[in-house]
Amino acid sequence: MVRFDAQRCIHARHYVLGHPAVFQANMQGPWINPEAASPERTAAVVQACPSGALSYERLDGGLQESPPLVNVIRIRENGPLAVVADLRIVNEAPMIRATLCRCGRSKNKPFCDSAHVAMGFKASGEPPSDGTPALAHRGGLLELVPLKDGPLQINGNVELCTGTGRTITRVQETYLCRCGSSANKPFCDGSHAKIGFVAEGN
């Protein structure tokens, strides 16, 4: 069984290219046909969806999707944060994959809605590495707390990586910019207070 959350989807073309027989473009009515491929192939395409808009449940006794051994947040060039982890975002159901806004303009915060494209958001996906050593434990529960009118608080083991896969840093707690104005992206530098950033949070 494949589930689709339209509110979290920012790149449906990704699935269509991944397996056009399963994910059919420009269809009226149902557009997901999981029977058109093996459960393993369909699961592989679903797991490649970074936003988590697609998820699945194996009804044939096959393996369900499991959290990764290493929690990772990837910094997309001029775009959002792509998270793969045993993830808990406050006030949201548990998840493994999510794409989170860092331009400050999404109408679906903390999730990305592609507002960064329309506004011409500019932010490097290749910030420098700080050389921190590997964590003793690299997986486990990762909690993300969107702070009211402020940054995204990260609690748990995680590696921040560039879009090309290079490790930027390894942390167990940090604060990531989600107002779009930090001069130290992807990290918060307090700019949200200077610009009067407004966003729901805790």
N, C-alpha and C. Protein backbone atom coordinates (compact mmCIF):
# COMPACT_ATOMS: atom_id res chain seq x y z
N MET A 1 0.84 -1.19 0.00
CA MET A 1 0.00 0.00 0.00
C MET A 1 0.88 1.24 0.00
N VAL A 2 0.64 2.14 -0.96
CA VAL A 2 1.40 3.39 -1.06
C VAL A 2 0.50 4.54 -0.64
N ARG A 3 1.01 5.39 0.25
CA ARG A 3 0.27 6.56 0.71
C ARG A 3 0.93 7.82 0.17
N PHE A 4 0.10 8.84 -0.08
CA PHE A 4 0.59 10.10 -0.64
C PHE A 4 0.03 11.26 0.16
N ASP A 5 0.92 12.13 0.66
CA ASP A 5 0.54 13.32 1.40
C ASP A 5 0.82 14.54 0.52
N ALA A 6 -0.22 15.05 -0.12
CA ALA A 6 -0.04 16.14 -1.09
C ALA A 6 0.54 17.39 -0.45
N GLN A 7 0.27 17.63 0.83
CA GLN A 7 0.75 18.85 1.47
C GLN A 7 2.27 18.87 1.63
N ARG A 8 2.89 17.71 1.61
CA ARG A 8 4.34 17.65 1.77
C ARG A 8 5.08 17.46 0.46
N CYS A 9 4.34 17.30 -0.63
CA CYS A 9 4.97 17.03 -1.92
C CYS A 9 5.48 18.32 -2.56
N ILE A 10 6.74 18.31 -3.01
CA ILE A 10 7.29 19.46 -3.73
C ILE A 10 7.91 19.06 -5.06
N HIS A 11 7.85 17.77 -5.41
CA HIS A 11 8.56 17.33 -6.62
C HIS A 11 7.96 16.02 -7.12
N ALA A 12 6.66 16.01 -7.48
CA ALA A 12 6.02 14.78 -7.94
C ALA A 12 6.72 14.18 -9.15
N ARG A 13 7.38 15.01 -9.95
CA ARG A 13 8.06 14.51 -11.13
C ARG A 13 9.13 13.48 -10.75
N HIS A 14 9.67 13.61 -9.56
CA HIS A 14 10.69 12.68 -9.07
C HIS A 14 10.18 11.25 -9.10
N TYR A 15 8.93 11.03 -8.62
CA TYR A 15 8.39 9.67 -8.59
C TYR A 15 8.10 9.17 -10.00
N VAL A 16 7.55 10.07 -10.84
CA VAL A 16 7.17 9.68 -12.19
C VAL A 16 8.40 9.20 -12.97
N LEU A 17 9.51 9.89 -12.80
CA LEU A 17 10.74 9.48 -13.47
C LEU A 17 11.31 8.21 -12.84
N GLY A 18 11.07 8.03 -11.54
CA GLY A 18 11.58 6.86 -10.85
C GLY A 18 10.94 5.57 -11.33
N HIS A 19 9.62 5.63 -11.60
CA HIS A 19 8.93 4.46 -12.15
C HIS A 19 7.61 4.92 -12.76
N PRO A 20 7.61 5.30 -14.05
CA PRO A 20 6.42 5.87 -14.67
C PRO A 20 5.23 4.92 -14.76
N ALA A 21 5.45 3.62 -14.68
CA ALA A 21 4.31 2.70 -14.71
C ALA A 21 3.57 2.70 -13.39
N VAL A 22 4.28 2.96 -12.31
CA VAL A 22 3.66 2.99 -10.97
C VAL A 22 3.10 4.38 -10.68
N PHE A 23 3.87 5.42 -10.98
CA PHE A 23 3.47 6.79 -10.70
C PHE A 23 3.21 7.48 -12.04
N GLN A 24 1.94 7.61 -12.39
CA GLN A 24 1.54 8.00 -13.73
C GLN A 24 1.22 9.49 -13.78
N ALA A 25 1.89 10.20 -14.68
CA ALA A 25 1.73 11.64 -14.79
C ALA A 25 0.44 12.02 -15.50
N ASN A 26 -0.08 13.20 -15.15
CA ASN A 26 -1.22 13.81 -15.85
C ASN A 26 -2.45 12.90 -15.92
N MET A 27 -2.70 12.20 -14.82
CA MET A 27 -3.84 11.29 -14.76
C MET A 27 -5.04 11.98 -14.10
N GLN A 28 -6.22 11.69 -14.57
CA GLN A 28 -7.44 12.07 -13.89
C GLN A 28 -7.80 10.95 -12.93
N GLY A 29 -7.95 11.26 -11.64
CA GLY A 29 -8.25 10.22 -10.67
C GLY A 29 -6.98 9.56 -10.15
N PRO A 30 -7.07 8.31 -9.69
CA PRO A 30 -5.91 7.62 -9.10
C PRO A 30 -4.72 7.58 -10.05
N TRP A 31 -3.55 7.95 -9.53
CA TRP A 31 -2.36 8.01 -10.37
C TRP A 31 -1.23 7.13 -9.86
N ILE A 32 -1.46 6.43 -8.73
CA ILE A 32 -0.47 5.52 -8.19
C ILE A 32 -0.95 4.09 -8.40
N ASN A 33 -0.15 3.30 -9.10
CA ASN A 33 -0.52 1.94 -9.46
C ASN A 33 0.59 0.98 -8.98
N PRO A 34 0.63 0.67 -7.67
CA PRO A 34 1.75 -0.12 -7.14
C PRO A 34 1.85 -1.53 -7.71
N GLU A 35 0.75 -2.05 -8.26
CA GLU A 35 0.78 -3.40 -8.82
C GLU A 35 1.59 -3.47 -10.12
N ALA A 36 1.97 -2.32 -10.67
CA ALA A 36 2.69 -2.30 -11.93
C ALA A 36 4.17 -2.63 -11.78
N ALA A 37 4.63 -2.83 -10.56
CA ALA A 37 6.03 -3.18 -10.32
C ALA A 37 6.11 -4.09 -9.11
N SER A 38 7.26 -4.68 -8.91
CA SER A 38 7.45 -5.52 -7.73
C SER A 38 7.38 -4.66 -6.47
N PRO A 39 6.98 -5.25 -5.34
CA PRO A 39 6.96 -4.47 -4.10
C PRO A 39 8.32 -3.86 -3.77
N GLU A 40 9.38 -4.58 -4.08
CA GLU A 40 10.73 -4.08 -3.79
C GLU A 40 11.06 -2.85 -4.63
N ARG A 41 10.68 -2.88 -5.91
CA ARG A 41 10.97 -1.74 -6.79
C ARG A 41 10.15 -0.52 -6.39
N THR A 42 8.88 -0.75 -6.08
CA THR A 42 8.03 0.37 -5.64
C THR A 42 8.55 0.96 -4.35
N ALA A 43 8.94 0.10 -3.40
CA ALA A 43 9.47 0.58 -2.13
C ALA A 43 10.73 1.41 -2.33
N ALA A 44 11.58 1.00 -3.28
CA ALA A 44 12.82 1.74 -3.54
C ALA A 44 12.53 3.15 -4.04
N VAL A 45 11.54 3.29 -4.92
CA VAL A 45 11.18 4.62 -5.43
C VAL A 45 10.60 5.47 -4.30
N VAL A 46 9.74 4.88 -3.48
CA VAL A 46 9.14 5.62 -2.36
C VAL A 46 10.23 6.11 -1.41
N GLN A 47 11.18 5.25 -1.09
CA GLN A 47 12.23 5.63 -0.14
C GLN A 47 13.16 6.70 -0.69
N ALA A 48 13.17 6.89 -2.00
CA ALA A 48 13.99 7.94 -2.61
C ALA A 48 13.30 9.30 -2.56
N CYS A 49 12.06 9.34 -2.09
CA CYS A 49 11.32 10.61 -1.99
C CYS A 49 11.79 11.35 -0.74
N PRO A 50 12.54 12.45 -0.88
CA PRO A 50 13.12 13.11 0.29
C PRO A 50 12.11 13.85 1.16
N SER A 51 10.97 14.23 0.60
CA SER A 51 10.00 15.00 1.39
C SER A 51 9.16 14.15 2.31
N GLY A 52 9.13 12.83 2.06
CA GLY A 52 8.26 11.97 2.84
C GLY A 52 6.81 12.05 2.43
N ALA A 53 6.53 12.71 1.29
CA ALA A 53 5.15 12.78 0.80
C ALA A 53 4.64 11.38 0.46
N LEU A 54 5.55 10.51 0.02
CA LEU A 54 5.20 9.12 -0.23
C LEU A 54 5.67 8.24 0.92
N SER A 55 4.83 7.30 1.30
CA SER A 55 5.21 6.27 2.27
C SER A 55 4.52 4.99 1.85
N TYR A 56 4.92 3.89 2.46
CA TYR A 56 4.30 2.62 2.07
C TYR A 56 4.15 1.70 3.27
N GLU A 57 3.28 0.74 3.10
CA GLU A 57 3.12 -0.35 4.07
C GLU A 57 3.12 -1.65 3.28
N ARG A 58 4.05 -2.53 3.60
CA ARG A 58 4.12 -3.83 2.93
C ARG A 58 3.03 -4.73 3.51
N LEU A 59 2.16 -5.24 2.64
CA LEU A 59 1.08 -6.13 3.05
C LEU A 59 1.39 -7.58 2.71
N ASP A 60 2.60 -7.81 2.16
CA ASP A 60 2.97 -9.16 1.73
C ASP A 60 3.96 -9.83 2.68
N GLY A 61 4.15 -9.22 3.84
CA GLY A 61 5.11 -9.76 4.80
C GLY A 61 6.52 -9.28 4.57
N GLY A 62 6.75 -8.45 3.56
CA GLY A 62 8.07 -7.92 3.28
C GLY A 62 8.50 -6.88 4.31
N LEU A 63 9.76 -6.48 4.23
CA LEU A 63 10.31 -5.54 5.20
C LEU A 63 9.68 -4.16 5.04
N GLN A 64 9.31 -3.56 6.16
CA GLN A 64 8.82 -2.19 6.16
C GLN A 64 10.01 -1.23 6.14
N GLU A 65 9.77 0.01 5.80
CA GLU A 65 10.84 1.00 5.84
C GLU A 65 11.29 1.21 7.27
N SER A 66 12.58 1.23 7.48
CA SER A 66 13.12 1.42 8.82
C SER A 66 14.01 2.65 8.86
N PRO A 67 14.19 3.25 10.04
CA PRO A 67 15.06 4.43 10.15
C PRO A 67 16.48 4.09 9.73
N PRO A 68 17.23 5.08 9.26
CA PRO A 68 18.61 4.84 8.82
C PRO A 68 19.53 4.58 10.01
N LEU A 69 20.67 3.99 9.73
CA LEU A 69 21.67 3.78 10.78
C LEU A 69 22.35 5.09 11.17
N VAL A 70 22.38 6.04 10.22
CA VAL A 70 22.98 7.35 10.46
C VAL A 70 21.95 8.42 10.13
N ASN A 71 21.61 9.26 11.11
CA ASN A 71 20.71 10.38 10.86
C ASN A 71 21.44 11.45 10.06
N VAL A 72 20.80 11.94 9.00
CA VAL A 72 21.45 12.91 8.11
C VAL A 72 20.50 14.06 7.79
N ILE A 73 21.03 15.28 7.80
CA ILE A 73 20.34 16.46 7.27
C ILE A 73 21.19 16.97 6.12
N ARG A 74 20.62 16.98 4.90
CA ARG A 74 21.35 17.47 3.73
C ARG A 74 20.92 18.90 3.42
N ILE A 75 21.89 19.74 3.12
CA ILE A 75 21.65 21.15 2.82
C ILE A 75 21.54 21.31 1.32
N ARG A 76 20.36 21.61 0.82
CA ARG A 76 20.16 21.73 -0.63
C ARG A 76 20.59 23.12 -1.10
N GLU A 77 21.31 23.18 -2.22
CA GLU A 77 21.73 24.45 -2.81
C GLU A 77 20.51 25.32 -3.11
N ASN A 78 20.48 26.52 -2.55
CA ASN A 78 19.37 27.47 -2.77
C ASN A 78 18.01 26.85 -2.44
N GLY A 79 18.01 25.90 -1.52
CA GLY A 79 16.77 25.19 -1.22
C GLY A 79 16.68 24.72 0.21
N PRO A 80 15.85 23.71 0.45
CA PRO A 80 15.49 23.30 1.80
C PRO A 80 16.48 22.37 2.47
N LEU A 81 16.09 21.91 3.66
CA LEU A 81 16.82 20.89 4.40
C LEU A 81 16.14 19.55 4.14
N ALA A 82 16.89 18.55 3.74
CA ALA A 82 16.34 17.21 3.50
C ALA A 82 16.82 16.29 4.62
N VAL A 83 15.87 15.82 5.41
CA VAL A 83 16.18 15.04 6.61
C VAL A 83 15.81 13.57 6.40
N VAL A 84 16.72 12.69 6.77
CA VAL A 84 16.44 11.25 6.82
C VAL A 84 16.91 10.78 8.19
N ALA A 85 15.95 10.34 9.02
CA ALA A 85 16.28 10.01 10.41
C ALA A 85 15.09 9.30 11.06
N ASP A 86 15.31 8.80 12.26
CA ASP A 86 14.20 8.36 13.11
C ASP A 86 13.62 9.64 13.71
N LEU A 87 12.73 10.26 12.96
CA LEU A 87 12.43 11.67 13.11
C LEU A 87 11.13 11.94 13.88
N ARG A 88 11.24 12.88 14.81
CA ARG A 88 10.06 13.39 15.50
C ARG A 88 10.07 14.91 15.40
N ILE A 89 9.08 15.43 14.71
CA ILE A 89 8.88 16.88 14.67
C ILE A 89 7.71 17.18 15.59
N VAL A 90 7.89 18.10 16.51
CA VAL A 90 6.87 18.39 17.50
C VAL A 90 5.53 18.65 16.83
N ASN A 91 4.49 18.01 17.34
CA ASN A 91 3.11 18.12 16.86
C ASN A 91 2.87 17.41 15.52
N GLU A 92 3.81 16.60 15.07
CA GLU A 92 3.64 15.83 13.84
C GLU A 92 3.79 14.34 14.15
N ALA A 93 3.22 13.49 13.30
CA ALA A 93 3.38 12.05 13.45
C ALA A 93 4.83 11.66 13.21
N PRO A 94 5.29 10.55 13.81
CA PRO A 94 6.65 10.09 13.54
C PRO A 94 6.87 9.87 12.04
N MET A 95 8.08 10.14 11.58
CA MET A 95 8.39 10.00 10.16
C MET A 95 9.86 9.66 10.00
N ILE A 96 10.24 9.31 8.79
CA ILE A 96 11.63 8.98 8.49
C ILE A 96 12.24 10.01 7.55
N ARG A 97 11.44 10.59 6.65
CA ARG A 97 11.93 11.54 5.66
C ARG A 97 11.11 12.82 5.70
N ALA A 98 11.78 13.96 5.57
CA ALA A 98 11.08 15.24 5.53
C ALA A 98 11.95 16.27 4.82
N THR A 99 11.31 17.21 4.14
CA THR A 99 12.01 18.33 3.52
C THR A 99 11.49 19.60 4.18
N LEU A 100 12.39 20.35 4.81
CA LEU A 100 12.01 21.45 5.68
C LEU A 100 12.45 22.80 5.12
N CYS A 101 11.58 23.78 5.29
CA CYS A 101 11.82 25.14 4.78
C CYS A 101 13.02 25.79 5.48
N ARG A 102 13.85 26.46 4.69
CA ARG A 102 14.87 27.33 5.28
C ARG A 102 14.90 28.70 4.64
N CYS A 103 13.93 28.98 3.75
CA CYS A 103 13.88 30.31 3.13
C CYS A 103 12.98 31.26 3.92
N GLY A 104 12.13 30.71 4.79
CA GLY A 104 11.25 31.52 5.61
C GLY A 104 9.90 31.84 5.00
N ARG A 105 9.67 31.43 3.75
CA ARG A 105 8.45 31.83 3.05
C ARG A 105 7.40 30.73 2.89
N SER A 106 7.72 29.51 3.25
CA SER A 106 6.75 28.42 3.07
C SER A 106 5.46 28.71 3.82
N LYS A 107 4.34 28.40 3.19
CA LYS A 107 3.04 28.51 3.85
C LYS A 107 2.69 27.22 4.57
N ASN A 108 3.60 26.25 4.54
CA ASN A 108 3.37 24.95 5.18
C ASN A 108 4.49 24.63 6.16
N LYS A 109 5.01 25.67 6.85
CA LYS A 109 6.10 25.48 7.81
C LYS A 109 5.70 24.44 8.85
N PRO A 110 6.64 23.60 9.30
CA PRO A 110 8.08 23.66 9.01
C PRO A 110 8.47 23.01 7.68
N PHE A 111 7.48 22.48 6.93
CA PHE A 111 7.80 21.79 5.68
C PHE A 111 7.99 22.78 4.52
N CYS A 112 8.79 22.38 3.57
CA CYS A 112 9.01 23.17 2.36
C CYS A 112 7.80 23.06 1.44
N ASP A 113 7.44 24.15 0.78
CA ASP A 113 6.38 24.12 -0.25
C ASP A 113 6.88 24.70 -1.57
N SER A 114 8.19 24.76 -1.73
CA SER A 114 8.87 25.28 -2.93
C SER A 114 8.80 26.79 -3.07
N ALA A 115 8.46 27.50 -1.99
CA ALA A 115 8.45 28.97 -2.05
C ALA A 115 9.83 29.52 -2.36
N HIS A 116 10.89 28.78 -2.04
CA HIS A 116 12.25 29.26 -2.31
C HIS A 116 12.49 29.49 -3.80
N VAL A 117 11.79 28.75 -4.64
CA VAL A 117 11.97 28.89 -6.09
C VAL A 117 11.40 30.23 -6.55
N ALA A 118 10.18 30.53 -6.14
CA ALA A 118 9.52 31.76 -6.58
C ALA A 118 10.23 33.02 -6.06
N MET A 119 10.79 32.94 -4.84
CA MET A 119 11.43 34.12 -4.26
C MET A 119 12.89 34.27 -4.69
N GLY A 120 13.44 33.27 -5.37
CA GLY A 120 14.85 33.34 -5.77
C GLY A 120 15.79 33.23 -4.59
N PHE A 121 15.45 32.38 -3.63
CA PHE A 121 16.27 32.20 -2.43
C PHE A 121 17.68 31.75 -2.81
N LYS A 122 18.67 32.37 -2.18
CA LYS A 122 20.06 32.03 -2.43
C LYS A 122 20.74 31.62 -1.13
N ALA A 123 21.24 30.40 -1.10
CA ALA A 123 21.96 29.91 0.07
C ALA A 123 22.80 28.72 -0.37
N SER A 124 24.05 28.74 0.00
CA SER A 124 24.95 27.68 -0.43
C SER A 124 24.52 26.33 0.11
N GLY A 125 24.69 25.32 -0.72
CA GLY A 125 24.52 23.94 -0.28
C GLY A 125 25.86 23.32 0.06
N GLU A 126 26.93 24.13 0.03
CA GLU A 126 28.29 23.62 0.25
C GLU A 126 29.05 24.46 1.29
N PRO A 127 28.48 24.66 2.49
CA PRO A 127 29.24 25.38 3.51
C PRO A 127 30.46 24.58 3.94
N PRO A 128 31.46 25.24 4.54
CA PRO A 128 32.70 24.54 4.89
C PRO A 128 32.50 23.50 5.99
N SER A 129 33.38 22.51 6.00
CA SER A 129 33.38 21.49 7.05
C SER A 129 34.17 21.98 8.25
N ASP A 130 33.76 21.50 9.45
CA ASP A 130 34.48 21.94 10.65
C ASP A 130 35.37 20.84 11.24
N GLY A 131 35.39 19.68 10.62
CA GLY A 131 36.31 18.63 11.05
C GLY A 131 35.95 17.93 12.34
N THR A 132 34.71 18.02 12.79
CA THR A 132 34.32 17.33 14.01
C THR A 132 34.43 15.82 13.82
N PRO A 133 34.85 15.10 14.86
CA PRO A 133 34.99 13.64 14.74
C PRO A 133 33.63 12.96 14.70
N ALA A 134 33.64 11.70 14.27
CA ALA A 134 32.40 10.92 14.21
C ALA A 134 31.82 10.76 15.61
N LEU A 135 30.50 10.76 15.69
CA LEU A 135 29.82 10.56 16.96
C LEU A 135 29.91 9.09 17.36
N ALA A 136 29.87 8.84 18.66
CA ALA A 136 29.88 7.46 19.14
C ALA A 136 28.64 6.72 18.68
N HIS A 137 27.51 7.41 18.67
CA HIS A 137 26.25 6.86 18.18
C HIS A 137 25.74 7.80 17.10
N ARG A 138 25.37 7.25 15.94
CA ARG A 138 25.05 8.09 14.79
C ARG A 138 23.57 8.05 14.40
N GLY A 139 22.82 7.15 15.01
CA GLY A 139 21.39 7.04 14.74
C GLY A 139 20.59 7.37 15.97
N GLY A 140 19.42 6.73 16.08
CA GLY A 140 18.56 6.98 17.23
C GLY A 140 17.57 8.09 16.96
N LEU A 141 16.78 8.40 17.97
CA LEU A 141 15.73 9.40 17.84
C LEU A 141 16.31 10.79 17.58
N LEU A 142 15.76 11.47 16.58
CA LEU A 142 16.13 12.86 16.27
C LEU A 142 14.90 13.72 16.43
N GLU A 143 14.95 14.66 17.35
CA GLU A 143 13.82 15.55 17.62
C GLU A 143 14.07 16.92 17.01
N LEU A 144 13.10 17.43 16.25
CA LEU A 144 13.17 18.75 15.66
C LEU A 144 12.06 19.60 16.26
N VAL A 145 12.44 20.73 16.81
CA VAL A 145 11.48 21.62 17.46
C VAL A 145 11.50 22.97 16.76
N PRO A 146 10.48 23.30 15.97
CA PRO A 146 10.40 24.65 15.40
C PRO A 146 10.07 25.65 16.52
N LEU A 147 10.98 26.54 16.80
CA LEU A 147 10.76 27.52 17.86
C LEU A 147 9.93 28.68 17.33
N LYS A 148 9.01 29.17 18.14
CA LYS A 148 8.13 30.26 17.72
C LYS A 148 8.94 31.47 17.29
N ASP A 149 8.69 31.94 16.07
CA ASP A 149 9.35 33.11 15.51
C ASP A 149 10.87 32.96 15.50
N GLY A 150 11.34 31.72 15.49
CA GLY A 150 12.77 31.49 15.58
C GLY A 150 13.23 30.28 14.80
N PRO A 151 14.40 29.76 15.16
CA PRO A 151 15.04 28.70 14.38
C PRO A 151 14.45 27.32 14.63
N LEU A 152 15.07 26.34 14.01
CA LEU A 152 14.73 24.94 14.19
C LEU A 152 15.73 24.34 15.16
N GLN A 153 15.25 23.94 16.34
CA GLN A 153 16.12 23.32 17.33
C GLN A 153 16.26 21.83 17.02
N ILE A 154 17.49 21.35 17.00
CA ILE A 154 17.79 19.95 16.69
C ILE A 154 18.32 19.28 17.94
N ASN A 155 17.70 18.18 18.34
CA ASN A 155 18.15 17.41 19.49
C ASN A 155 18.33 15.95 19.08
N GLY A 156 19.54 15.44 19.18
CA GLY A 156 19.82 14.06 18.82
C GLY A 156 21.03 13.96 17.92
N ASN A 157 21.47 12.74 17.70
CA ASN A 157 22.65 12.51 16.87
C ASN A 157 22.33 12.77 15.41
N VAL A 158 23.13 13.60 14.75
CA VAL A 158 22.88 13.87 13.34
C VAL A 158 24.15 14.39 12.66
N GLU A 159 24.29 14.04 11.39
CA GLU A 159 25.35 14.59 10.55
C GLU A 159 24.72 15.58 9.58
N LEU A 160 25.22 16.80 9.53
CA LEU A 160 24.83 17.77 8.53
C LEU A 160 25.76 17.62 7.34
N CYS A 161 25.17 17.43 6.16
CA CYS A 161 25.96 17.18 4.96
C CYS A 161 25.59 18.17 3.86
N THR A 162 26.52 18.37 2.95
CA THR A 162 26.24 19.18 1.77
C THR A 162 25.37 18.38 0.82
N GLY A 163 24.85 19.06 -0.19
CA GLY A 163 24.05 18.38 -1.19
C GLY A 163 24.82 17.30 -1.94
N THR A 164 26.16 17.44 -1.99
CA THR A 164 26.98 16.44 -2.68
C THR A 164 27.48 15.35 -1.74
N GLY A 165 27.13 15.44 -0.46
CA GLY A 165 27.43 14.36 0.46
C GLY A 165 28.57 14.60 1.43
N ARG A 166 29.31 15.69 1.27
CA ARG A 166 30.41 15.98 2.21
C ARG A 166 29.85 16.36 3.57
N THR A 167 30.47 15.86 4.64
CA THR A 167 30.01 16.17 5.99
C THR A 167 30.45 17.58 6.38
N ILE A 168 29.49 18.36 6.85
CA ILE A 168 29.77 19.71 7.35
C ILE A 168 30.13 19.66 8.82
N THR A 169 29.29 18.99 9.60
CA THR A 169 29.52 18.85 11.03
C THR A 169 28.72 17.69 11.56
N ARG A 170 29.07 17.25 12.75
CA ARG A 170 28.34 16.20 13.45
C ARG A 170 27.96 16.76 14.81
N VAL A 171 26.69 16.72 15.15
CA VAL A 171 26.22 17.38 16.38
C VAL A 171 25.19 16.51 17.09
N GLN A 172 24.95 16.87 18.33
CA GLN A 172 23.86 16.29 19.10
C GLN A 172 22.83 17.34 19.49
N GLU A 173 23.19 18.60 19.29
CA GLU A 173 22.25 19.70 19.48
C GLU A 173 22.74 20.90 18.68
N THR A 174 21.82 21.54 17.97
CA THR A 174 22.17 22.75 17.24
C THR A 174 20.89 23.50 16.89
N TYR A 175 21.04 24.69 16.31
CA TYR A 175 19.91 25.51 15.89
C TYR A 175 20.12 25.92 14.44
N LEU A 176 19.17 25.56 13.59
CA LEU A 176 19.27 25.84 12.16
C LEU A 176 18.35 26.96 11.76
N CYS A 177 18.85 27.84 10.88
CA CYS A 177 18.08 28.98 10.42
C CYS A 177 16.86 28.51 9.63
N ARG A 178 15.71 29.13 9.90
CA ARG A 178 14.52 28.90 9.07
C ARG A 178 13.84 30.21 8.70
N CYS A 179 14.53 31.35 8.94
CA CYS A 179 13.99 32.64 8.52
C CYS A 179 14.56 33.06 7.17
N GLY A 180 15.66 32.43 6.76
CA GLY A 180 16.28 32.72 5.47
C GLY A 180 17.29 33.84 5.50
N SER A 181 17.53 34.47 6.66
CA SER A 181 18.37 35.66 6.70
C SER A 181 19.69 35.51 7.44
N SER A 182 19.95 34.37 8.02
CA SER A 182 21.21 34.19 8.74
C SER A 182 22.40 34.38 7.81
N ALA A 183 23.43 35.03 8.33
CA ALA A 183 24.68 35.17 7.58
C ALA A 183 25.58 33.97 7.80
N ASN A 184 25.12 33.01 8.58
CA ASN A 184 25.90 31.83 8.91
C ASN A 184 25.12 30.56 8.56
N LYS A 185 24.35 30.60 7.47
CA LYS A 185 23.56 29.44 7.07
C LYS A 185 24.45 28.21 6.91
N PRO A 186 23.97 27.03 7.33
CA PRO A 186 22.59 26.73 7.71
C PRO A 186 22.25 27.02 9.16
N PHE A 187 23.19 27.60 9.91
CA PHE A 187 22.97 27.81 11.34
C PHE A 187 22.31 29.16 11.62
N CYS A 188 21.60 29.22 12.73
CA CYS A 188 20.95 30.45 13.17
C CYS A 188 22.00 31.41 13.73
N ASP A 189 21.86 32.70 13.42
CA ASP A 189 22.73 33.72 14.00
C ASP A 189 21.93 34.83 14.67
N GLY A 190 20.64 34.58 14.92
CA GLY A 190 19.80 35.56 15.59
C GLY A 190 19.12 36.55 14.65
N SER A 191 19.31 36.38 13.34
CA SER A 191 18.72 37.32 12.38
C SER A 191 17.19 37.33 12.42
N HIS A 192 16.57 36.22 12.85
CA HIS A 192 15.11 36.17 12.89
C HIS A 192 14.53 37.28 13.76
N ALA A 193 15.24 37.63 14.84
CA ALA A 193 14.76 38.70 15.72
C ALA A 193 14.90 40.07 15.05
N LYS A 194 15.97 40.26 14.30
CA LYS A 194 16.21 41.56 13.64
C LYS A 194 15.21 41.84 12.54
N ILE A 195 14.79 40.79 11.82
CA ILE A 195 13.89 41.00 10.67
C ILE A 195 12.42 40.84 11.04
N GLY A 196 12.14 40.47 12.30
CA GLY A 196 10.76 40.28 12.72
C GLY A 196 10.12 39.04 12.13
N PHE A 197 10.90 37.98 11.99
CA PHE A 197 10.38 36.71 11.45
C PHE A 197 9.23 36.21 12.31
N VAL A 198 8.16 35.77 11.63
CA VAL A 198 6.99 35.26 12.33
C VAL A 198 6.68 33.85 11.84
N ALA A 199 6.62 32.90 12.77
CA ALA A 199 6.30 31.53 12.43
C ALA A 199 5.79 30.82 13.67
N GLU A 200 4.82 29.95 13.49
CA GLU A 200 4.32 29.18 14.61
C GLU A 200 5.42 28.27 15.13
N GLY A 201 5.33 27.94 16.42
CA GLY A 201 6.33 27.06 17.00
C GLY A 201 6.08 26.90 18.48
N ASN A 202 7.06 26.32 19.14
CA ASN A 202 6.95 26.03 20.57
C ASN A 202 7.78 26.99 21.41
